[in-house]
Amino acid sequence: MRYLLLLFSLFFVLGCKDEVVVKPAAKLRLEYPKAIYDTVISDCPFSFEKNNMATLLHKKNCAINLHYPQMQATVYLTYQPIQNSNLDSLLFDAQKLTYDHNIKADAIFEQPRVDSINKVFGMFYMIDGNAATQSQFYVTDSLRHFMTGSVYFETKPNFDSLYPAVIYLRNDMRRIMETINWK
């Protein structure tokens, strides 16, 4: 009986190991300050509102980079004048650039922009998934001006991890589209 009690105690002590439990991957909680916008006025034939959080970098030919250091992201704005009826090719290039991300994208959502009062027409693209860019747009007045915009992060695309920054920058890009004025 003594051996049986000793054997039972030995099994009880050795058999009680902590079971390894796999915990789900933690997600960062990224919060950004409420956006405050200022109007950007330059020598270029357009103006728009930008977030104060972004650093403005003027490039040649009226290209503008809006760098967000806190998010390690940049919104690239490219302006091109419409010349020799090249609007079709500009539209084709802007749409092709967006749909080239179809390989890595889970979905691409389109949101048209029609502002007949200010003569701003375009399309905003929201790209979900691990594509190189998560948002792009183009706007035009259909006669003289054409602008594209896209956001790129300085990291390997991981849509789940970048999601809070993606949403924040999508709102900023929409604001650019909504406030653009041609000169």
N, C-alpha and C. Protein backbone atom coordinates (compact mmCIF):
# COMPACT_ATOMS: atom_id res chain seq x y z
N MET A 1 0.82 -1.18 0.00
CA MET A 1 0.00 0.00 0.00
C MET A 1 0.87 1.25 0.00
N ARG A 2 1.97 1.16 0.77
CA ARG A 2 2.88 2.29 0.84
C ARG A 2 3.46 2.56 -0.55
N TYR A 3 3.82 1.52 -1.29
CA TYR A 3 4.37 1.70 -2.64
C TYR A 3 3.33 2.26 -3.59
N LEU A 4 2.12 1.83 -3.42
CA LEU A 4 1.04 2.33 -4.26
C LEU A 4 0.81 3.82 -4.00
N LEU A 5 0.83 4.23 -2.72
CA LEU A 5 0.67 5.64 -2.37
C LEU A 5 1.85 6.47 -2.88
N LEU A 6 3.07 5.93 -2.76
CA LEU A 6 4.26 6.62 -3.27
C LEU A 6 4.21 6.74 -4.80
N LEU A 7 3.80 5.66 -5.46
CA LEU A 7 3.68 5.67 -6.93
C LEU A 7 2.62 6.68 -7.39
N PHE A 8 1.47 6.71 -6.68
CA PHE A 8 0.40 7.65 -7.02
C PHE A 8 0.87 9.09 -6.82
N SER A 9 1.59 9.35 -5.72
CA SER A 9 2.11 10.69 -5.44
C SER A 9 3.13 11.11 -6.50
N LEU A 10 3.97 10.16 -6.91
CA LEU A 10 4.97 10.44 -7.94
C LEU A 10 4.29 10.80 -9.28
N PHE A 11 3.28 10.05 -9.67
CA PHE A 11 2.53 10.36 -10.90
C PHE A 11 1.83 11.72 -10.78
N PHE A 12 1.30 12.01 -9.60
CA PHE A 12 0.59 13.27 -9.39
C PHE A 12 1.55 14.46 -9.53
N VAL A 13 2.75 14.34 -8.93
CA VAL A 13 3.72 15.44 -8.97
C VAL A 13 4.31 15.58 -10.37
N LEU A 14 4.67 14.50 -10.99
CA LEU A 14 5.29 14.57 -12.32
C LEU A 14 4.27 14.82 -13.43
N GLY A 15 3.05 14.44 -13.20
CA GLY A 15 2.02 14.58 -14.23
C GLY A 15 1.40 15.96 -14.29
N CYS A 16 1.65 16.79 -13.33
CA CYS A 16 1.04 18.13 -13.29
C CYS A 16 2.00 19.15 -13.87
N LYS A 17 2.02 19.23 -15.15
CA LYS A 17 2.83 20.25 -15.83
C LYS A 17 1.90 21.32 -16.38
N ASP A 18 2.41 22.54 -16.45
CA ASP A 18 1.61 23.61 -17.05
C ASP A 18 1.50 23.35 -18.55
N GLU A 19 0.30 23.40 -19.03
CA GLU A 19 0.08 23.21 -20.45
C GLU A 19 0.42 24.50 -21.18
N VAL A 20 1.11 24.39 -22.30
CA VAL A 20 1.49 25.55 -23.08
C VAL A 20 0.27 26.04 -23.84
N VAL A 21 -0.07 27.30 -23.64
CA VAL A 21 -1.20 27.91 -24.31
C VAL A 21 -0.67 28.98 -25.26
N VAL A 22 -1.03 28.84 -26.51
CA VAL A 22 -0.60 29.82 -27.51
C VAL A 22 -1.53 31.01 -27.43
N LYS A 23 -0.94 32.17 -27.24
CA LYS A 23 -1.73 33.39 -27.14
C LYS A 23 -1.87 34.01 -28.52
N PRO A 24 -2.99 34.67 -28.78
CA PRO A 24 -3.12 35.33 -30.09
C PRO A 24 -2.12 36.48 -30.21
N ALA A 25 -1.74 36.77 -31.43
CA ALA A 25 -0.79 37.85 -31.68
C ALA A 25 -1.40 39.18 -31.24
N ALA A 26 -0.64 39.95 -30.53
CA ALA A 26 -1.12 41.25 -30.05
C ALA A 26 -1.07 42.26 -31.20
N LYS A 27 -1.99 43.18 -31.19
CA LYS A 27 -2.04 44.23 -32.19
C LYS A 27 -1.71 45.55 -31.52
N LEU A 28 -0.93 46.35 -32.21
CA LEU A 28 -0.63 47.68 -31.69
C LEU A 28 -1.87 48.55 -31.73
N ARG A 29 -2.02 49.36 -30.74
CA ARG A 29 -3.10 50.33 -30.76
C ARG A 29 -2.47 51.67 -31.13
N LEU A 30 -2.67 52.04 -32.37
CA LEU A 30 -2.08 53.29 -32.86
C LEU A 30 -3.18 54.35 -32.90
N GLU A 31 -2.92 55.44 -32.24
CA GLU A 31 -3.85 56.56 -32.25
C GLU A 31 -3.10 57.80 -32.69
N TYR A 32 -3.75 58.58 -33.52
CA TYR A 32 -3.14 59.78 -34.06
C TYR A 32 -3.97 60.99 -33.67
N PRO A 33 -3.33 62.15 -33.59
CA PRO A 33 -4.09 63.34 -33.19
C PRO A 33 -5.13 63.73 -34.24
N LYS A 34 -6.12 64.44 -33.78
CA LYS A 34 -7.15 64.93 -34.69
C LYS A 34 -6.49 65.83 -35.73
N ALA A 35 -6.88 65.65 -36.96
CA ALA A 35 -6.25 66.39 -38.06
C ALA A 35 -6.65 67.87 -38.03
N ILE A 36 -5.65 68.71 -38.23
CA ILE A 36 -5.85 70.15 -38.39
C ILE A 36 -5.30 70.50 -39.76
N TYR A 37 -6.11 71.15 -40.57
CA TYR A 37 -5.74 71.39 -41.97
C TYR A 37 -5.45 72.87 -42.24
N ASP A 38 -4.46 73.10 -43.09
CA ASP A 38 -4.12 74.43 -43.58
C ASP A 38 -4.11 74.39 -45.09
N THR A 39 -4.42 75.52 -45.70
CA THR A 39 -4.42 75.60 -47.16
C THR A 39 -3.00 75.77 -47.68
N VAL A 40 -2.66 74.96 -48.67
CA VAL A 40 -1.35 75.04 -49.33
C VAL A 40 -1.53 75.88 -50.59
N ILE A 41 -0.84 77.00 -50.62
CA ILE A 41 -0.88 77.88 -51.79
C ILE A 41 0.56 77.98 -52.30
N SER A 42 0.73 77.71 -53.58
CA SER A 42 2.07 77.74 -54.16
C SER A 42 2.00 78.38 -55.55
N ASP A 43 3.11 78.33 -56.25
CA ASP A 43 3.16 78.85 -57.61
C ASP A 43 2.51 77.88 -58.61
N CYS A 44 2.16 76.72 -58.16
CA CYS A 44 1.53 75.71 -59.02
C CYS A 44 0.08 76.12 -59.30
N PRO A 45 -0.52 75.56 -60.34
CA PRO A 45 -1.88 75.97 -60.72
C PRO A 45 -2.99 75.31 -59.90
N PHE A 46 -2.74 75.06 -58.65
CA PHE A 46 -3.75 74.47 -57.78
C PHE A 46 -3.44 74.82 -56.32
N SER A 47 -4.45 74.67 -55.48
CA SER A 47 -4.28 74.78 -54.03
C SER A 47 -5.12 73.68 -53.40
N PHE A 48 -4.79 73.33 -52.18
CA PHE A 48 -5.52 72.30 -51.46
C PHE A 48 -5.21 72.43 -49.98
N GLU A 49 -5.91 71.66 -49.16
CA GLU A 49 -5.66 71.65 -47.72
C GLU A 49 -4.87 70.41 -47.35
N LYS A 50 -3.87 70.61 -46.48
CA LYS A 50 -3.05 69.49 -46.00
C LYS A 50 -3.10 69.44 -44.48
N ASN A 51 -2.86 68.27 -43.96
CA ASN A 51 -2.80 68.03 -42.53
C ASN A 51 -1.52 68.66 -41.97
N ASN A 52 -1.61 69.34 -40.82
CA ASN A 52 -0.43 69.93 -40.19
C ASN A 52 0.59 68.89 -39.78
N MET A 53 0.16 67.66 -39.63
CA MET A 53 1.06 66.57 -39.24
C MET A 53 2.06 66.24 -40.36
N ALA A 54 1.71 66.59 -41.58
CA ALA A 54 2.54 66.26 -42.74
C ALA A 54 3.55 67.36 -43.02
N THR A 55 4.75 66.94 -43.43
CA THR A 55 5.78 67.86 -43.86
C THR A 55 5.69 68.00 -45.38
N LEU A 56 5.62 69.22 -45.86
CA LEU A 56 5.45 69.49 -47.29
C LEU A 56 6.81 69.60 -47.97
N LEU A 57 7.00 68.83 -49.03
CA LEU A 57 8.23 68.89 -49.82
C LEU A 57 7.86 69.17 -51.27
N HIS A 58 8.27 70.34 -51.78
CA HIS A 58 8.01 70.69 -53.17
C HIS A 58 9.07 70.04 -54.06
N LYS A 59 8.63 69.40 -55.11
CA LYS A 59 9.52 68.80 -56.10
C LYS A 59 9.37 69.60 -57.40
N LYS A 60 10.12 69.20 -58.42
CA LYS A 60 10.01 69.95 -59.67
C LYS A 60 8.72 69.57 -60.41
N ASN A 61 8.30 70.44 -61.30
CA ASN A 61 7.09 70.26 -62.12
C ASN A 61 5.82 70.15 -61.27
N CYS A 62 5.78 70.89 -60.17
CA CYS A 62 4.61 70.95 -59.29
C CYS A 62 4.25 69.62 -58.65
N ALA A 63 5.21 68.74 -58.50
CA ALA A 63 4.99 67.52 -57.72
C ALA A 63 5.22 67.87 -56.25
N ILE A 64 4.43 67.27 -55.39
CA ILE A 64 4.51 67.55 -53.95
C ILE A 64 4.50 66.24 -53.19
N ASN A 65 5.37 66.15 -52.20
CA ASN A 65 5.37 65.00 -51.29
C ASN A 65 4.92 65.49 -49.92
N LEU A 66 3.97 64.80 -49.34
CA LEU A 66 3.52 65.07 -47.98
C LEU A 66 4.02 63.92 -47.12
N HIS A 67 5.05 64.21 -46.33
CA HIS A 67 5.68 63.16 -45.52
C HIS A 67 5.10 63.17 -44.11
N TYR A 68 4.70 62.00 -43.64
CA TYR A 68 4.16 61.80 -42.31
C TYR A 68 5.20 61.04 -41.49
N PRO A 69 6.09 61.74 -40.77
CA PRO A 69 7.17 61.06 -40.05
C PRO A 69 6.67 60.10 -38.98
N GLN A 70 5.59 60.44 -38.29
CA GLN A 70 5.09 59.59 -37.23
C GLN A 70 4.60 58.24 -37.76
N MET A 71 4.14 58.21 -39.00
CA MET A 71 3.62 56.98 -39.61
C MET A 71 4.61 56.36 -40.58
N GLN A 72 5.70 57.04 -40.84
CA GLN A 72 6.68 56.61 -41.84
C GLN A 72 5.98 56.35 -43.17
N ALA A 73 5.25 57.36 -43.61
CA ALA A 73 4.49 57.27 -44.85
C ALA A 73 4.62 58.58 -45.62
N THR A 74 4.39 58.51 -46.92
CA THR A 74 4.43 59.69 -47.77
C THR A 74 3.28 59.63 -48.77
N VAL A 75 2.60 60.75 -48.92
CA VAL A 75 1.58 60.90 -49.97
C VAL A 75 2.27 61.65 -51.10
N TYR A 76 2.31 61.02 -52.26
CA TYR A 76 2.95 61.60 -53.44
C TYR A 76 1.86 62.21 -54.34
N LEU A 77 1.97 63.51 -54.58
CA LEU A 77 1.05 64.22 -55.46
C LEU A 77 1.80 64.61 -56.73
N THR A 78 1.24 64.25 -57.87
CA THR A 78 1.88 64.55 -59.15
C THR A 78 0.90 65.33 -60.01
N TYR A 79 1.33 66.48 -60.47
CA TYR A 79 0.51 67.33 -61.33
C TYR A 79 1.01 67.24 -62.76
N GLN A 80 0.07 67.18 -63.69
CA GLN A 80 0.42 67.22 -65.12
C GLN A 80 -0.61 68.07 -65.84
N PRO A 81 -0.15 68.99 -66.66
CA PRO A 81 -1.12 69.75 -67.45
C PRO A 81 -1.65 68.88 -68.59
N ILE A 82 -2.89 69.08 -68.93
CA ILE A 82 -3.47 68.37 -70.08
C ILE A 82 -3.04 69.09 -71.33
N GLN A 83 -2.36 68.37 -72.23
CA GLN A 83 -1.86 68.95 -73.47
C GLN A 83 -2.19 68.04 -74.64
N ASN A 84 -2.52 68.63 -75.75
CA ASN A 84 -2.75 67.88 -76.99
C ASN A 84 -3.75 66.75 -76.79
N SER A 85 -4.80 67.02 -76.07
CA SER A 85 -5.86 66.03 -75.83
C SER A 85 -5.33 64.72 -75.26
N ASN A 86 -4.42 64.81 -74.30
CA ASN A 86 -3.85 63.59 -73.71
C ASN A 86 -4.60 63.13 -72.45
N LEU A 87 -5.79 63.63 -72.22
CA LEU A 87 -6.55 63.26 -71.04
C LEU A 87 -6.81 61.75 -71.00
N ASP A 88 -7.13 61.15 -72.15
CA ASP A 88 -7.39 59.71 -72.17
C ASP A 88 -6.18 58.91 -71.70
N SER A 89 -5.01 59.29 -72.15
CA SER A 89 -3.81 58.54 -71.74
C SER A 89 -3.48 58.79 -70.27
N LEU A 90 -3.73 60.00 -69.77
CA LEU A 90 -3.51 60.27 -68.35
C LEU A 90 -4.46 59.46 -67.48
N LEU A 91 -5.73 59.39 -67.89
CA LEU A 91 -6.71 58.59 -67.15
C LEU A 91 -6.35 57.11 -67.19
N PHE A 92 -5.95 56.63 -68.36
CA PHE A 92 -5.57 55.23 -68.51
C PHE A 92 -4.39 54.89 -67.59
N ASP A 93 -3.38 55.76 -67.58
CA ASP A 93 -2.20 55.51 -66.74
C ASP A 93 -2.57 55.51 -65.25
N ALA A 94 -3.43 56.43 -64.83
CA ALA A 94 -3.82 56.50 -63.42
C ALA A 94 -4.60 55.26 -63.01
N GLN A 95 -5.50 54.82 -63.88
CA GLN A 95 -6.29 53.63 -63.56
C GLN A 95 -5.43 52.37 -63.62
N LYS A 96 -4.52 52.30 -64.57
CA LYS A 96 -3.63 51.14 -64.68
C LYS A 96 -2.73 51.04 -63.46
N LEU A 97 -2.22 52.18 -63.01
CA LEU A 97 -1.36 52.19 -61.82
C LEU A 97 -2.09 51.61 -60.62
N THR A 98 -3.37 51.93 -60.48
CA THR A 98 -4.16 51.39 -59.37
C THR A 98 -4.37 49.90 -59.53
N TYR A 99 -4.81 49.47 -60.70
CA TYR A 99 -5.16 48.06 -60.88
C TYR A 99 -3.94 47.16 -61.07
N ASP A 100 -2.75 47.72 -61.18
CA ASP A 100 -1.54 46.90 -61.15
C ASP A 100 -1.34 46.28 -59.77
N HIS A 101 -1.99 46.84 -58.75
CA HIS A 101 -1.88 46.32 -57.38
C HIS A 101 -2.86 45.17 -57.14
N ASN A 102 -3.62 44.82 -58.16
CA ASN A 102 -4.61 43.75 -58.04
C ASN A 102 -3.99 42.41 -57.64
N ILE A 103 -2.72 42.21 -57.94
CA ILE A 103 -2.04 40.96 -57.64
C ILE A 103 -2.01 40.72 -56.13
N LYS A 104 -1.69 41.76 -55.35
CA LYS A 104 -1.58 41.63 -53.90
C LYS A 104 -2.82 42.11 -53.15
N ALA A 105 -3.69 42.84 -53.83
CA ALA A 105 -4.85 43.43 -53.17
C ALA A 105 -5.93 42.38 -52.91
N ASP A 106 -6.61 42.52 -51.78
CA ASP A 106 -7.78 41.69 -51.50
C ASP A 106 -9.01 42.28 -52.18
N ALA A 107 -9.07 43.61 -52.23
CA ALA A 107 -10.20 44.29 -52.86
C ALA A 107 -9.78 45.71 -53.20
N ILE A 108 -10.40 46.26 -54.25
CA ILE A 108 -10.19 47.66 -54.63
C ILE A 108 -11.57 48.31 -54.73
N PHE A 109 -11.78 49.33 -53.91
CA PHE A 109 -13.05 50.04 -53.89
C PHE A 109 -12.87 51.40 -54.56
N GLU A 110 -13.84 51.78 -55.37
CA GLU A 110 -13.80 53.06 -56.07
C GLU A 110 -14.83 54.01 -55.48
N GLN A 111 -14.43 55.27 -55.35
CA GLN A 111 -15.35 56.30 -54.89
C GLN A 111 -15.20 57.50 -55.82
N PRO A 112 -16.20 57.75 -56.68
CA PRO A 112 -16.08 58.87 -57.62
C PRO A 112 -16.18 60.22 -56.92
N ARG A 113 -15.56 61.21 -57.53
CA ARG A 113 -15.60 62.59 -57.04
C ARG A 113 -16.13 63.46 -58.17
N VAL A 114 -17.26 64.11 -57.93
CA VAL A 114 -17.85 65.00 -58.93
C VAL A 114 -18.19 66.31 -58.23
N ASP A 115 -17.45 67.37 -58.57
CA ASP A 115 -17.70 68.70 -58.03
C ASP A 115 -17.78 69.65 -59.22
N SER A 116 -18.98 69.78 -59.77
CA SER A 116 -19.15 70.58 -60.98
C SER A 116 -18.99 72.08 -60.71
N ILE A 117 -19.17 72.52 -59.47
CA ILE A 117 -19.01 73.94 -59.15
C ILE A 117 -17.54 74.34 -59.26
N ASN A 118 -16.64 73.54 -58.67
CA ASN A 118 -15.21 73.84 -58.72
C ASN A 118 -14.49 73.13 -59.87
N LYS A 119 -15.23 72.41 -60.67
CA LYS A 119 -14.69 71.66 -61.81
C LYS A 119 -13.59 70.68 -61.39
N VAL A 120 -13.93 69.84 -60.42
CA VAL A 120 -13.01 68.81 -59.95
C VAL A 120 -13.73 67.47 -60.09
N PHE A 121 -13.19 66.63 -60.95
CA PHE A 121 -13.76 65.32 -61.21
C PHE A 121 -12.66 64.28 -61.04
N GLY A 122 -13.00 63.16 -60.47
CA GLY A 122 -11.97 62.15 -60.29
C GLY A 122 -12.47 60.89 -59.64
N MET A 123 -11.51 60.09 -59.17
CA MET A 123 -11.81 58.81 -58.54
C MET A 123 -10.84 58.58 -57.39
N PHE A 124 -11.39 58.11 -56.29
CA PHE A 124 -10.59 57.74 -55.12
C PHE A 124 -10.63 56.22 -55.00
N TYR A 125 -9.45 55.61 -54.87
CA TYR A 125 -9.35 54.16 -54.78
C TYR A 125 -8.87 53.76 -53.39
N MET A 126 -9.59 52.84 -52.78
CA MET A 126 -9.18 52.26 -51.49
C MET A 126 -8.76 50.82 -51.77
N ILE A 127 -7.51 50.52 -51.51
CA ILE A 127 -6.96 49.21 -51.84
C ILE A 127 -6.72 48.46 -50.53
N ASP A 128 -7.47 47.39 -50.32
CA ASP A 128 -7.32 46.58 -49.12
C ASP A 128 -6.40 45.40 -49.42
N GLY A 129 -5.60 45.05 -48.46
CA GLY A 129 -4.67 43.92 -48.62
C GLY A 129 -3.24 44.40 -48.53
N ASN A 130 -2.33 43.50 -48.79
CA ASN A 130 -0.90 43.78 -48.65
C ASN A 130 -0.28 44.34 -49.92
N ALA A 131 -0.97 45.24 -50.57
CA ALA A 131 -0.46 45.90 -51.77
C ALA A 131 0.54 46.99 -51.36
N ALA A 132 1.31 47.45 -52.31
CA ALA A 132 2.32 48.48 -52.03
C ALA A 132 1.69 49.80 -51.58
N THR A 133 0.52 50.10 -52.08
CA THR A 133 -0.20 51.31 -51.69
C THR A 133 -1.61 50.94 -51.27
N GLN A 134 -2.17 51.68 -50.32
CA GLN A 134 -3.52 51.38 -49.86
C GLN A 134 -4.54 52.41 -50.33
N SER A 135 -4.07 53.50 -50.91
CA SER A 135 -4.98 54.54 -51.40
C SER A 135 -4.34 55.28 -52.56
N GLN A 136 -5.17 55.58 -53.55
CA GLN A 136 -4.74 56.38 -54.70
C GLN A 136 -5.93 57.20 -55.17
N PHE A 137 -5.63 58.27 -55.89
CA PHE A 137 -6.70 59.05 -56.50
C PHE A 137 -6.17 59.79 -57.71
N TYR A 138 -7.13 60.25 -58.51
CA TYR A 138 -6.81 61.21 -59.56
C TYR A 138 -7.95 62.22 -59.61
N VAL A 139 -7.61 63.45 -59.96
CA VAL A 139 -8.60 64.51 -60.15
C VAL A 139 -8.21 65.31 -61.38
N THR A 140 -9.22 65.87 -62.01
CA THR A 140 -9.00 66.67 -63.22
C THR A 140 -10.15 67.66 -63.38
N ASP A 141 -9.90 68.69 -64.19
CA ASP A 141 -10.99 69.58 -64.59
C ASP A 141 -11.43 69.24 -66.01
N SER A 142 -10.82 68.22 -66.60
CA SER A 142 -11.11 67.69 -67.94
C SER A 142 -10.62 68.58 -69.07
N LEU A 143 -10.03 69.73 -68.77
CA LEU A 143 -9.58 70.64 -69.83
C LEU A 143 -8.09 70.98 -69.73
N ARG A 144 -7.63 71.36 -68.53
CA ARG A 144 -6.26 71.86 -68.40
C ARG A 144 -5.43 71.16 -67.32
N HIS A 145 -6.06 70.63 -66.27
CA HIS A 145 -5.33 70.15 -65.11
C HIS A 145 -5.60 68.66 -64.84
N PHE A 146 -4.55 67.97 -64.36
CA PHE A 146 -4.67 66.57 -63.98
C PHE A 146 -3.71 66.30 -62.83
N MET A 147 -4.20 65.68 -61.76
CA MET A 147 -3.36 65.38 -60.60
C MET A 147 -3.64 63.96 -60.12
N THR A 148 -2.58 63.27 -59.72
CA THR A 148 -2.71 61.96 -59.10
C THR A 148 -2.10 62.01 -57.71
N GLY A 149 -2.56 61.13 -56.86
CA GLY A 149 -2.01 61.01 -55.51
C GLY A 149 -1.99 59.56 -55.08
N SER A 150 -0.96 59.20 -54.34
CA SER A 150 -0.87 57.84 -53.81
C SER A 150 -0.07 57.87 -52.51
N VAL A 151 -0.37 56.93 -51.64
CA VAL A 151 0.32 56.84 -50.35
C VAL A 151 1.18 55.58 -50.33
N TYR A 152 2.39 55.74 -49.81
CA TYR A 152 3.30 54.60 -49.65
C TYR A 152 3.91 54.66 -48.26
N PHE A 153 4.00 53.50 -47.64
CA PHE A 153 4.63 53.38 -46.33
C PHE A 153 6.06 52.92 -46.51
N GLU A 154 6.92 53.32 -45.59
CA GLU A 154 8.34 52.97 -45.66
C GLU A 154 8.59 51.65 -44.94
N THR A 155 7.73 50.68 -45.19
CA THR A 155 7.84 49.37 -44.57
C THR A 155 7.19 48.34 -45.48
N LYS A 156 7.45 47.08 -45.19
CA LYS A 156 6.82 46.01 -45.95
C LYS A 156 5.32 46.07 -45.70
N PRO A 157 4.50 45.97 -46.75
CA PRO A 157 3.06 46.08 -46.56
C PRO A 157 2.49 44.97 -45.69
N ASN A 158 1.82 45.35 -44.63
CA ASN A 158 1.07 44.44 -43.78
C ASN A 158 -0.20 45.19 -43.39
N PHE A 159 -1.25 44.94 -44.15
CA PHE A 159 -2.47 45.73 -44.04
C PHE A 159 -3.04 45.73 -42.63
N ASP A 160 -3.02 44.58 -41.95
CA ASP A 160 -3.58 44.51 -40.60
C ASP A 160 -2.84 45.43 -39.64
N SER A 161 -1.52 45.43 -39.70
CA SER A 161 -0.73 46.26 -38.79
C SER A 161 -0.82 47.74 -39.14
N LEU A 162 -0.92 48.04 -40.41
CA LEU A 162 -0.95 49.43 -40.87
C LEU A 162 -2.35 50.04 -40.86
N TYR A 163 -3.35 49.26 -40.57
CA TYR A 163 -4.74 49.68 -40.75
C TYR A 163 -5.07 51.04 -40.11
N PRO A 164 -4.70 51.32 -38.85
CA PRO A 164 -5.03 52.64 -38.30
C PRO A 164 -4.41 53.79 -39.10
N ALA A 165 -3.17 53.63 -39.53
CA ALA A 165 -2.51 54.66 -40.34
C ALA A 165 -3.15 54.76 -41.72
N VAL A 166 -3.54 53.62 -42.28
CA VAL A 166 -4.19 53.60 -43.59
C VAL A 166 -5.48 54.42 -43.56
N ILE A 167 -6.30 54.19 -42.55
CA ILE A 167 -7.57 54.93 -42.43
C ILE A 167 -7.32 56.42 -42.25
N TYR A 168 -6.36 56.76 -41.40
CA TYR A 168 -6.03 58.17 -41.16
C TYR A 168 -5.60 58.86 -42.46
N LEU A 169 -4.73 58.20 -43.22
CA LEU A 169 -4.22 58.80 -44.46
C LEU A 169 -5.28 58.80 -45.56
N ARG A 170 -6.17 57.83 -45.56
CA ARG A 170 -7.28 57.87 -46.52
C ARG A 170 -8.13 59.11 -46.30
N ASN A 171 -8.37 59.44 -45.05
CA ASN A 171 -9.15 60.65 -44.74
C ASN A 171 -8.41 61.90 -45.21
N ASP A 172 -7.10 61.93 -45.03
CA ASP A 172 -6.32 63.08 -45.50
C ASP A 172 -6.36 63.19 -47.03
N MET A 173 -6.26 62.06 -47.70
CA MET A 173 -6.28 62.09 -49.17
C MET A 173 -7.66 62.53 -49.68
N ARG A 174 -8.71 62.09 -49.01
CA ARG A 174 -10.05 62.56 -49.39
C ARG A 174 -10.15 64.08 -49.20
N ARG A 175 -9.56 64.57 -48.12
CA ARG A 175 -9.59 66.01 -47.85
C ARG A 175 -8.87 66.77 -48.97
N ILE A 176 -7.76 66.24 -49.43
CA ILE A 176 -7.04 66.87 -50.55
C ILE A 176 -7.96 66.93 -51.77
N MET A 177 -8.60 65.82 -52.08
CA MET A 177 -9.51 65.78 -53.24
C MET A 177 -10.67 66.77 -53.09
N GLU A 178 -11.22 66.86 -51.89
CA GLU A 178 -12.37 67.71 -51.66
C GLU A 178 -12.04 69.19 -51.65
N THR A 179 -10.79 69.54 -51.36
CA THR A 179 -10.44 70.96 -51.22
C THR A 179 -9.58 71.48 -52.38
N ILE A 180 -9.30 70.65 -53.36
CA ILE A 180 -8.45 71.13 -54.45
C ILE A 180 -9.20 72.18 -55.26
N ASN A 181 -8.47 73.23 -55.57
CA ASN A 181 -8.99 74.31 -56.40
C ASN A 181 -7.98 74.61 -57.49
N TRP A 182 -8.46 74.70 -58.71
CA TRP A 182 -7.59 75.02 -59.84
C TRP A 182 -7.48 76.52 -59.98
N LYS A 183 -6.32 77.00 -60.38
CA LYS A 183 -6.10 78.43 -60.60
C LYS A 183 -6.30 78.77 -62.06
